[in-house]
Amino acid sequence: MDTYAPEQHLTVSNPQTLREAWTHLLTEPRLLFTHWNYKGAILSSAFRAPVFLITYLAARESLKLAFAAALVQFIFRFFFAGLTGYVIQAFRKVEPAWKASASILIFVPAVSHLVEYLVSVGFVYFTETANLTDKAIVRSVCFSIFSSLFVLFIMRRNVLIVGETESRSIFSDIRQLPGLVFEFMMFIPNEIAAMIRSTKILAVVVSFAGWGVFSQLIGWAMVYRHSWTYGGGKDLGILKFWGVDGIILMLLAVAFALVFSKFRKQPDVHITDA
């Protein structure tokens, strides 16, 4: 019988405690600039600017204004994502991994989106245009939830890091991204599949219930609809407030993980100190 273990295929050498990571981060503030993560700056600005572009176009604003909002966001993200990239990298060796994830999800969005909000409000003030900041920021926060976790996920696998002996070129990192995106998307399904094989039924039920709530909240934030219907508007009753579609997708993903787990063998990932 398989034994459930989070990140069971990842081995981290010389792991850090959460306190050690925070101490290093707070006592060496100069590293925020000397180890500015140019890789994260390029990728984050390229992906985040379209969020504002689409939000403004969806609100029927002019193309010129939409591109201006996207450009402001691109410049802001290019500078700021380099800093947050270093912060996430500082936590990549923290064990257990969930402590690093929790710290990043609290610290990075809180700081970055506060500054992002001020930048966006300033843009609205100086352009004297409709204030679409709230919608754009909410969608940006949703993006941050996934992007921050994904960046930590791949940095623990020596991708997108700078200033360390394991660092590679950005082109080498980009070539690995498609496979890592799939691995990241399958991480939770694989963990739930491991629970099923270990007959941890309660944990499986809680995981699906929690995913239903999470997917409902994310869907609500992204499209500003608190419920969904079917068949031309037939009501689903209380289920309309639950992430049923998210649960269905997760069921399919877990089924995929269970079927193909026998054919999938991952080598251990060995992370050494810089």
C-alpha atoms as a PDB file:
ATOM      1  CA  MET A   1       0.000   0.000   0.000  1.00  0.00           C
ATOM      2  CA  ASP A   2       1.351   3.428  -0.952  1.00  0.00           C
ATOM      3  CA  THR A   3       2.034   5.879   1.821  1.00  0.00           C
ATOM      4  CA  TYR A   4       0.871   9.428   1.332  1.00  0.00           C
ATOM      5  CA  ALA A   5       3.627  12.009   1.552  1.00  0.00           C
ATOM      6  CA  PRO A   6       3.489  15.598   0.277  1.00  0.00           C
ATOM      7  CA  GLU A   7       5.963  16.294  -2.529  1.00  0.00           C
ATOM      8  CA  GLN A   8       7.026  12.691  -2.227  1.00  0.00           C
ATOM      9  CA  HIS A   9       9.216  12.894  -5.331  1.00  0.00           C
ATOM     10  CA  LEU A  10      11.186  15.959  -4.193  1.00  0.00           C
ATOM     11  CA  THR A  11      14.309  15.738  -2.056  1.00  0.00           C
ATOM     12  CA  VAL A  12      15.722  18.998  -0.684  1.00  0.00           C
ATOM     13  CA  SER A  13      19.316  19.026   0.517  1.00  0.00           C
ATOM     14  CA  ASN A  14      20.258  21.201   3.479  1.00  0.00           C
ATOM     15  CA  PRO A  15      16.688  22.429   4.051  1.00  0.00           C
ATOM     16  CA  GLN A  16      15.994  25.636   5.933  1.00  0.00           C
ATOM     17  CA  THR A  17      13.495  26.428   8.620  1.00  0.00           C
ATOM     18  CA  LEU A  18      11.016  29.217   8.083  1.00  0.00           C
ATOM     19  CA  ARG A  19      12.784  31.311  10.711  1.00  0.00           C
ATOM     20  CA  GLU A  20      16.133  30.910   8.960  1.00  0.00           C
ATOM     21  CA  ALA A  21      14.641  32.041   5.644  1.00  0.00           C
ATOM     22  CA  TRP A  22      13.003  35.112   7.202  1.00  0.00           C
ATOM     23  CA  THR A  23      16.181  35.976   9.115  1.00  0.00           C
ATOM     24  CA  HIS A  24      18.260  35.798   5.944  1.00  0.00           C
ATOM     25  CA  LEU A  25      15.721  37.916   4.069  1.00  0.00           C
ATOM     26  CA  LEU A  26      15.442  40.626   6.737  1.00  0.00           C
ATOM     27  CA  THR A  27      19.146  40.853   7.631  1.00  0.00           C
ATOM     28  CA  GLU A  28      20.333  41.106   4.013  1.00  0.00           C
ATOM     29  CA  PRO A  29      17.982  43.688   2.441  1.00  0.00           C
ATOM     30  CA  ARG A  30      20.614  44.651  -0.156  1.00  0.00           C
ATOM     31  CA  LEU A  31      20.105  41.248  -1.797  1.00  0.00           C
ATOM     32  CA  LEU A  32      16.637  42.414  -2.871  1.00  0.00           C
ATOM     33  CA  PHE A  33      18.435  44.568  -5.412  1.00  0.00           C
ATOM     34  CA  THR A  34      21.705  42.720  -6.042  1.00  0.00           C
ATOM     35  CA  HIS A  35      19.775  39.477  -6.624  1.00  0.00           C
ATOM     36  CA  TRP A  36      16.879  41.150  -8.460  1.00  0.00           C
ATOM     37  CA  ASN A  37      15.228  38.309 -10.391  1.00  0.00           C
ATOM     38  CA  TYR A  38      15.248  39.453 -14.012  1.00  0.00           C
ATOM     39  CA  LYS A  39      13.643  36.183 -15.124  1.00  0.00           C
ATOM     40  CA  GLY A  40      10.600  36.733 -12.943  1.00  0.00           C
ATOM     41  CA  ALA A  41      10.470  40.382 -14.038  1.00  0.00           C
ATOM     42  CA  ILE A  42      10.278  39.483 -17.724  1.00  0.00           C
ATOM     43  CA  LEU A  43       7.718  36.693 -17.377  1.00  0.00           C
ATOM     44  CA  SER A  44       5.486  38.398 -14.801  1.00  0.00           C
ATOM     45  CA  SER A  45       5.212  41.674 -16.715  1.00  0.00           C
ATOM     46  CA  ALA A  46       4.522  39.793 -19.954  1.00  0.00           C
ATOM     47  CA  PHE A  47       1.672  37.800 -18.398  1.00  0.00           C
ATOM     48  CA  ARG A  48       0.224  40.364 -15.979  1.00  0.00           C
ATOM     49  CA  ALA A  49      -0.165  43.340 -18.325  1.00  0.00           C
ATOM     50  CA  PRO A  50      -2.790  41.513 -20.466  1.00  0.00           C
ATOM     51  CA  VAL A  51      -5.007  41.169 -17.352  1.00  0.00           C
ATOM     52  CA  PHE A  52      -5.458  44.952 -17.323  1.00  0.00           C
ATOM     53  CA  LEU A  53      -5.671  45.145 -21.107  1.00  0.00           C
ATOM     54  CA  ILE A  54      -8.533  42.627 -21.188  1.00  0.00           C
ATOM     55  CA  THR A  55     -10.310  44.237 -18.215  1.00  0.00           C
ATOM     56  CA  TYR A  56     -10.373  47.647 -19.896  1.00  0.00           C
ATOM     57  CA  LEU A  57     -11.395  46.240 -23.283  1.00  0.00           C
ATOM     58  CA  ALA A  58     -14.165  44.192 -21.634  1.00  0.00           C
ATOM     59  CA  ALA A  59     -15.457  47.427 -20.104  1.00  0.00           C
ATOM     60  CA  ARG A  60     -15.644  48.903 -23.624  1.00  0.00           C
ATOM     61  CA  GLU A  61     -12.901  51.435 -23.014  1.00  0.00           C
ATOM     62  CA  SER A  62     -10.852  52.681 -25.960  1.00  0.00           C
ATOM     63  CA  LEU A  63      -7.970  50.597 -27.291  1.00  0.00           C
ATOM     64  CA  LYS A  64      -5.593  53.473 -26.550  1.00  0.00           C
ATOM     65  CA  LEU A  65      -6.630  53.612 -22.903  1.00  0.00           C
ATOM     66  CA  ALA A  66      -6.491  49.824 -22.549  1.00  0.00           C
ATOM     67  CA  PHE A  67      -2.940  49.721 -23.908  1.00  0.00           C
ATOM     68  CA  ALA A  68      -1.943  52.628 -21.650  1.00  0.00           C
ATOM     69  CA  ALA A  69      -3.231  50.755 -18.576  1.00  0.00           C
ATOM     70  CA  ALA A  70      -1.405  47.597 -19.715  1.00  0.00           C
ATOM     71  CA  LEU A  71       1.817  49.552 -20.267  1.00  0.00           C
ATOM     72  CA  VAL A  72       1.690  51.085 -16.790  1.00  0.00           C
ATOM     73  CA  GLN A  73       1.148  47.630 -15.342  1.00  0.00           C
ATOM     74  CA  PHE A  74       3.983  46.191 -17.455  1.00  0.00           C
ATOM     75  CA  ILE A  75       6.471  48.776 -16.177  1.00  0.00           C
ATOM     76  CA  PHE A  76       5.344  48.345 -12.567  1.00  0.00           C
ATOM     77  CA  ARG A  77       5.478  44.554 -12.750  1.00  0.00           C
ATOM     78  CA  PHE A  78       8.852  44.522 -14.485  1.00  0.00           C
ATOM     79  CA  PHE A  79      10.425  46.302 -11.529  1.00  0.00           C
ATOM     80  CA  PHE A  80       8.402  44.791  -8.705  1.00  0.00           C
ATOM     81  CA  ALA A  81       8.320  41.162  -9.909  1.00  0.00           C
ATOM     82  CA  GLY A  82      12.104  41.127  -9.863  1.00  0.00           C
ATOM     83  CA  LEU A  83      11.968  41.904  -6.144  1.00  0.00           C
ATOM     84  CA  THR A  84       9.212  39.417  -5.315  1.00  0.00           C
ATOM     85  CA  GLY A  85      11.051  36.814  -7.394  1.00  0.00           C
ATOM     86  CA  TYR A  86      13.994  37.104  -5.045  1.00  0.00           C
ATOM     87  CA  VAL A  87      11.683  36.889  -2.010  1.00  0.00           C
ATOM     88  CA  ILE A  88      10.142  33.649  -3.292  1.00  0.00           C
ATOM     89  CA  GLN A  89      13.595  32.273  -4.090  1.00  0.00           C
ATOM     90  CA  ALA A  90      14.636  32.957  -0.491  1.00  0.00           C
ATOM     91  CA  PHE A  91      11.959  30.482   0.660  1.00  0.00           C
ATOM     92  CA  ARG A  92      12.591  27.717  -1.875  1.00  0.00           C
ATOM     93  CA  LYS A  93      14.485  25.465   0.555  1.00  0.00           C
ATOM     94  CA  VAL A  94      12.110  25.861   3.490  1.00  0.00           C
ATOM     95  CA  GLU A  95      10.739  22.609   4.871  1.00  0.00           C
ATOM     96  CA  PRO A  96       7.961  21.702   5.194  1.00  0.00           C
ATOM     97  CA  ALA A  97       6.966  23.258   1.886  1.00  0.00           C
ATOM     98  CA  TRP A  98       3.526  24.354   3.110  1.00  0.00           C
ATOM     99  CA  LYS A  99       5.149  26.871   5.481  1.00  0.00           C
ATOM    100  CA  ALA A 100       6.964  28.481   2.576  1.00  0.00           C
ATOM    101  CA  SER A 101       3.741  28.518   0.554  1.00  0.00           C
ATOM    102  CA  ALA A 102       1.785  30.129   3.392  1.00  0.00           C
ATOM    103  CA  SER A 103       4.402  32.833   3.918  1.00  0.00           C
ATOM    104  CA  ILE A 104       4.543  33.662   0.229  1.00  0.00           C
ATOM    105  CA  LEU A 105       0.750  33.770  -0.168  1.00  0.00           C
ATOM    106  CA  ILE A 106       0.486  36.212   2.737  1.00  0.00           C
ATOM    107  CA  PHE A 107       3.506  38.429   2.123  1.00  0.00           C
ATOM    108  CA  VAL A 108       3.854  38.715  -1.656  1.00  0.00           C
ATOM    109  CA  PRO A 109       0.226  39.544  -2.599  1.00  0.00           C
ATOM    110  CA  ALA A 110      -0.226  41.847   0.415  1.00  0.00           C
ATOM    111  CA  VAL A 111       2.758  43.996  -0.523  1.00  0.00           C
ATOM    112  CA  SER A 112       2.629  43.824  -4.303  1.00  0.00           C
ATOM    113  CA  HIS A 113      -1.099  44.436  -4.670  1.00  0.00           C
ATOM    114  CA  LEU A 114      -1.084  47.328  -2.227  1.00  0.00           C
ATOM    115  CA  VAL A 115       1.483  49.059  -4.427  1.00  0.00           C
ATOM    116  CA  GLU A 116      -0.354  47.901  -7.556  1.00  0.00           C
ATOM    117  CA  TYR A 117      -3.586  49.419  -6.248  1.00  0.00           C
ATOM    118  CA  LEU A 118      -1.904  52.778  -5.638  1.00  0.00           C
ATOM    119  CA  VAL A 119      -0.379  52.721  -9.131  1.00  0.00           C
ATOM    120  CA  SER A 120      -3.758  51.900 -10.695  1.00  0.00           C
ATOM    121  CA  VAL A 121      -5.602  54.578  -8.717  1.00  0.00           C
ATOM    122  CA  GLY A 122      -2.973  57.085  -9.816  1.00  0.00           C
ATOM    123  CA  PHE A 123      -3.501  56.028 -13.429  1.00  0.00           C
ATOM    124  CA  VAL A 124      -7.255  56.583 -13.125  1.00  0.00           C
ATOM    125  CA  TYR A 125      -6.742  59.972 -11.465  1.00  0.00           C
ATOM    126  CA  PHE A 126      -4.334  61.344 -14.056  1.00  0.00           C
ATOM    127  CA  THR A 127      -6.220  59.976 -17.072  1.00  0.00           C
ATOM    128  CA  GLU A 128      -9.633  60.940 -15.643  1.00  0.00           C
ATOM    129  CA  THR A 129     -11.143  57.670 -16.853  1.00  0.00           C
ATOM    130  CA  ALA A 130     -13.548  55.120 -15.428  1.00  0.00           C
ATOM    131  CA  ASN A 131     -12.258  53.421 -12.311  1.00  0.00           C
ATOM    132  CA  LEU A 132     -11.855  49.747 -13.181  1.00  0.00           C
ATOM    133  CA  THR A 133      -9.154  49.247 -10.571  1.00  0.00           C
ATOM    134  CA  ASP A 134     -11.176  47.000  -8.253  1.00  0.00           C
ATOM    135  CA  LYS A 135     -12.037  44.428 -10.914  1.00  0.00           C
ATOM    136  CA  ALA A 136      -8.531  44.420 -12.340  1.00  0.00           C
ATOM    137  CA  ILE A 137      -6.913  44.098  -8.897  1.00  0.00           C
ATOM    138  CA  VAL A 138      -9.192  41.217  -7.870  1.00  0.00           C
ATOM    139  CA  ARG A 139      -8.294  39.351 -11.052  1.00  0.00           C
ATOM    140  CA  SER A 140      -4.649  40.195 -10.536  1.00  0.00           C
ATOM    141  CA  VAL A 141      -4.807  38.792  -6.975  1.00  0.00           C
ATOM    142  CA  CYS A 142      -6.241  35.540  -8.354  1.00  0.00           C
ATOM    143  CA  PHE A 143      -3.378  35.429 -10.823  1.00  0.00           C
ATOM    144  CA  SER A 144      -0.915  36.020  -7.965  1.00  0.00           C
ATOM    145  CA  ILE A 145      -2.261  33.079  -5.968  1.00  0.00           C
ATOM    146  CA  PHE A 146      -1.414  30.683  -8.756  1.00  0.00           C
ATOM    147  CA  SER A 147       1.702  32.417 -10.063  1.00  0.00           C
ATOM    148  CA  SER A 148       3.339  32.690  -6.610  1.00  0.00           C
ATOM    149  CA  LEU A 149       2.739  29.016  -5.875  1.00  0.00           C
ATOM    150  CA  PHE A 150       3.927  28.059  -9.353  1.00  0.00           C
ATOM    151  CA  VAL A 151       7.112  30.115  -9.042  1.00  0.00           C
ATOM    152  CA  LEU A 152       7.891  28.497  -5.674  1.00  0.00           C
ATOM    153  CA  PHE A 153       7.121  25.090  -7.196  1.00  0.00           C
ATOM    154  CA  ILE A 154       9.579  25.515 -10.064  1.00  0.00           C
ATOM    155  CA  MET A 155      12.229  27.272  -7.968  1.00  0.00           C
ATOM    156  CA  ARG A 156      12.302  24.228  -5.705  1.00  0.00           C
ATOM    157  CA  ARG A 157      13.241  22.405  -8.920  1.00  0.00           C
ATOM    158  CA  ASN A 158      16.079  24.848  -9.753  1.00  0.00           C
ATOM    159  CA  VAL A 159      14.151  26.741 -12.440  1.00  0.00           C
ATOM    160  CA  LEU A 160      13.826  30.554 -12.646  1.00  0.00           C
ATOM    161  CA  ILE A 161      16.474  31.112  -9.970  1.00  0.00           C
ATOM    162  CA  VAL A 162      19.306  33.642 -10.207  1.00  0.00           C
ATOM    163  CA  GLY A 163      22.592  34.186  -8.373  1.00  0.00           C
ATOM    164  CA  GLU A 164      23.063  30.532  -7.390  1.00  0.00           C
ATOM    165  CA  THR A 165      25.285  27.788  -8.758  1.00  0.00           C
ATOM    166  CA  GLU A 166      22.227  25.920 -10.083  1.00  0.00           C
ATOM    167  CA  SER A 167      21.079  28.957 -12.102  1.00  0.00           C
ATOM    168  CA  ARG A 168      20.730  28.476 -15.847  1.00  0.00           C
ATOM    169  CA  SER A 169      19.914  30.811 -18.703  1.00  0.00           C
ATOM    170  CA  ILE A 170      16.373  32.101 -19.036  1.00  0.00           C
ATOM    171  CA  PHE A 171      16.053  30.251 -22.355  1.00  0.00           C
ATOM    172  CA  SER A 172      16.963  26.968 -20.668  1.00  0.00           C
ATOM    173  CA  ASP A 173      14.369  27.668 -17.965  1.00  0.00           C
ATOM    174  CA  ILE A 174      11.663  28.556 -20.498  1.00  0.00           C
ATOM    175  CA  ARG A 175      12.221  25.251 -22.329  1.00  0.00           C
ATOM    176  CA  GLN A 176      11.359  23.420 -19.107  1.00  0.00           C
ATOM    177  CA  LEU A 177       8.211  25.435 -18.368  1.00  0.00           C
ATOM    178  CA  PRO A 178       5.669  23.396 -20.428  1.00  0.00           C
ATOM    179  CA  GLY A 179       6.491  20.190 -18.559  1.00  0.00           C
ATOM    180  CA  LEU A 180       6.546  21.984 -15.215  1.00  0.00           C
ATOM    181  CA  VAL A 181       3.188  23.636 -15.912  1.00  0.00           C
ATOM    182  CA  PHE A 182       1.659  20.193 -16.448  1.00  0.00           C
ATOM    183  CA  GLU A 183       3.389  18.834 -13.336  1.00  0.00           C
ATOM    184  CA  PHE A 184       2.119  21.792 -11.302  1.00  0.00           C
ATOM    185  CA  MET A 185      -1.440  21.352 -12.578  1.00  0.00           C
ATOM    186  CA  MET A 186      -1.305  17.657 -11.679  1.00  0.00           C
ATOM    187  CA  PHE A 187       0.242  18.203  -8.245  1.00  0.00           C
ATOM    188  CA  ILE A 188      -3.021  18.306  -6.265  1.00  0.00           C
ATOM    189  CA  PRO A 189      -4.652  15.493  -8.312  1.00  0.00           C
ATOM    190  CA  ASN A 190      -1.556  13.367  -7.702  1.00  0.00           C
ATOM    191  CA  GLU A 191      -1.683  14.103  -3.976  1.00  0.00           C
ATOM    192  CA  ILE A 192      -5.383  13.173  -3.811  1.00  0.00           C
ATOM    193  CA  ALA A 193      -4.680  10.031  -5.837  1.00  0.00           C
ATOM    194  CA  ALA A 194      -1.992   9.098  -3.294  1.00  0.00           C
ATOM    195  CA  MET A 195      -4.548   9.598  -0.502  1.00  0.00           C
ATOM    196  CA  ILE A 196      -6.984   7.296  -2.310  1.00  0.00           C
ATOM    197  CA  ARG A 197      -4.352   4.595  -2.728  1.00  0.00           C
ATOM    198  CA  SER A 198      -3.601   4.950   0.978  1.00  0.00           C
ATOM    199  CA  THR A 199      -7.372   4.694   1.757  1.00  0.00           C
ATOM    200  CA  LYS A 200      -7.371   8.082   3.524  1.00  0.00           C
ATOM    201  CA  ILE A 201     -11.030   8.609   2.669  1.00  0.00           C
ATOM    202  CA  LEU A 202     -11.702  11.487   5.079  1.00  0.00           C
ATOM    203  CA  ALA A 203      -8.721  13.405   3.705  1.00  0.00           C
ATOM    204  CA  VAL A 204     -10.006  12.800   0.162  1.00  0.00           C
ATOM    205  CA  VAL A 205     -13.493  14.104   1.011  1.00  0.00           C
ATOM    206  CA  VAL A 206     -12.088  17.192   2.754  1.00  0.00           C
ATOM    207  CA  SER A 207      -9.777  17.847  -0.198  1.00  0.00           C
ATOM    208  CA  PHE A 208     -12.622  17.733  -2.720  1.00  0.00           C
ATOM    209  CA  ALA A 209     -14.847  19.907  -0.520  1.00  0.00           C
ATOM    210  CA  GLY A 210     -12.082  22.436  -0.026  1.00  0.00           C
ATOM    211  CA  TRP A 211     -11.341  22.484  -3.751  1.00  0.00           C
ATOM    212  CA  GLY A 212     -15.020  23.104  -4.452  1.00  0.00           C
ATOM    213  CA  VAL A 213     -15.038  26.185  -2.210  1.00  0.00           C
ATOM    214  CA  PHE A 214     -11.739  27.423  -3.645  1.00  0.00           C
ATOM    215  CA  SER A 215     -12.776  27.009  -7.285  1.00  0.00           C
ATOM    216  CA  GLN A 216     -16.094  28.741  -6.578  1.00  0.00           C
ATOM    217  CA  LEU A 217     -14.346  31.752  -5.032  1.00  0.00           C
ATOM    218  CA  ILE A 218     -11.808  31.985  -7.860  1.00  0.00           C
ATOM    219  CA  GLY A 219     -14.551  31.714 -10.482  1.00  0.00           C
ATOM    220  CA  TRP A 220     -16.583  34.373  -8.706  1.00  0.00           C
ATOM    221  CA  ALA A 221     -13.603  36.736  -8.551  1.00  0.00           C
ATOM    222  CA  MET A 222     -12.643  36.227 -12.189  1.00  0.00           C
ATOM    223  CA  VAL A 223     -16.053  36.613 -13.854  1.00  0.00           C
ATOM    224  CA  TYR A 224     -18.059  38.398 -11.120  1.00  0.00           C
ATOM    225  CA  ARG A 225     -20.756  35.725 -11.083  1.00  0.00           C
ATOM    226  CA  HIS A 226     -21.498  34.085  -7.751  1.00  0.00           C
ATOM    227  CA  SER A 227     -23.369  31.140  -9.262  1.00  0.00           C
ATOM    228  CA  TRP A 228     -23.752  29.156 -12.458  1.00  0.00           C
ATOM    229  CA  THR A 229     -26.712  27.503 -14.149  1.00  0.00           C
ATOM    230  CA  TYR A 230     -27.305  24.963 -16.902  1.00  0.00           C
ATOM    231  CA  GLY A 231     -29.800  24.221 -19.673  1.00  0.00           C
ATOM    232  CA  GLY A 232     -30.573  27.834 -20.568  1.00  0.00           C
ATOM    233  CA  GLY A 233     -30.751  29.089 -17.001  1.00  0.00           C
ATOM    234  CA  LYS A 234     -32.170  26.239 -14.897  1.00  0.00           C
ATOM    235  CA  ASP A 235     -31.329  26.785 -11.261  1.00  0.00           C
ATOM    236  CA  LEU A 236     -29.118  24.286  -9.394  1.00  0.00           C
ATOM    237  CA  GLY A 237     -30.438  25.217  -5.966  1.00  0.00           C
ATOM    238  CA  ILE A 238     -27.808  25.293  -3.241  1.00  0.00           C
ATOM    239  CA  LEU A 239     -25.299  23.672  -5.613  1.00  0.00           C
ATOM    240  CA  LYS A 240     -25.124  26.890  -7.605  1.00  0.00           C
ATOM    241  CA  PHE A 241     -22.994  28.328  -4.770  1.00  0.00           C
ATOM    242  CA  TRP A 242     -20.575  25.403  -4.914  1.00  0.00           C
ATOM    243  CA  GLY A 243     -17.709  24.895  -7.316  1.00  0.00           C
ATOM    244  CA  VAL A 244     -19.396  21.897  -8.958  1.00  0.00           C
ATOM    245  CA  ASP A 245     -17.631  22.453 -12.243  1.00  0.00           C
ATOM    246  CA  GLY A 246     -14.300  22.692 -10.408  1.00  0.00           C
ATOM    247  CA  ILE A 247     -15.017  19.455  -8.554  1.00  0.00           C
ATOM    248  CA  ILE A 248     -15.900  17.693 -11.807  1.00  0.00           C
ATOM    249  CA  LEU A 249     -12.611  18.814 -13.354  1.00  0.00           C
ATOM    250  CA  MET A 250     -10.723  17.659 -10.267  1.00  0.00           C
ATOM    251  CA  LEU A 251     -12.447  14.251 -10.397  1.00  0.00           C
ATOM    252  CA  LEU A 252     -11.322  13.841 -14.002  1.00  0.00           C
ATOM    253  CA  ALA A 253      -7.778  14.925 -13.119  1.00  0.00           C
ATOM    254  CA  VAL A 254      -7.600  12.500 -10.169  1.00  0.00           C
ATOM    255  CA  ALA A 255      -8.918   9.683 -12.366  1.00  0.00           C
ATOM    256  CA  PHE A 256      -6.188  10.507 -14.876  1.00  0.00           C
ATOM    257  CA  ALA A 257      -3.576  10.449 -12.101  1.00  0.00           C
ATOM    258  CA  LEU A 258      -4.802   7.078 -10.811  1.00  0.00           C
ATOM    259  CA  VAL A 259      -4.838   5.466 -14.256  1.00  0.00           C
ATOM    260  CA  PHE A 260      -1.435   6.703 -15.376  1.00  0.00           C
ATOM    261  CA  SER A 261       0.401   6.621 -12.041  1.00  0.00           C
ATOM    262  CA  LYS A 262       1.785   3.162 -12.799  1.00  0.00           C
ATOM    263  CA  PHE A 263       3.428   4.436 -15.965  1.00  0.00           C
ATOM    264  CA  ARG A 264       4.802   7.615 -14.430  1.00  0.00           C
ATOM    265  CA  LYS A 265       8.094   7.502 -12.597  1.00  0.00           C
ATOM    266  CA  GLN A 266       9.738  10.711 -11.420  1.00  0.00           C
ATOM    267  CA  PRO A 267      13.407  10.910 -10.498  1.00  0.00           C
ATOM    268  CA  ASP A 268      14.253  12.579  -7.216  1.00  0.00           C
ATOM    269  CA  VAL A 269      15.106  16.250  -7.515  1.00  0.00           C
ATOM    270  CA  HIS A 270      18.267  17.081  -5.605  1.00  0.00           C
ATOM    271  CA  ILE A 271      18.703  20.677  -4.472  1.00  0.00           C
ATOM    272  CA  THR A 272      22.096  21.721  -3.158  1.00  0.00           C
ATOM    273  CA  ASP A 273      23.190  24.897  -1.427  1.00  0.00           C
ATOM    274  CA  ALA A 274      24.504  27.724  -3.528  1.00  0.00           C
END
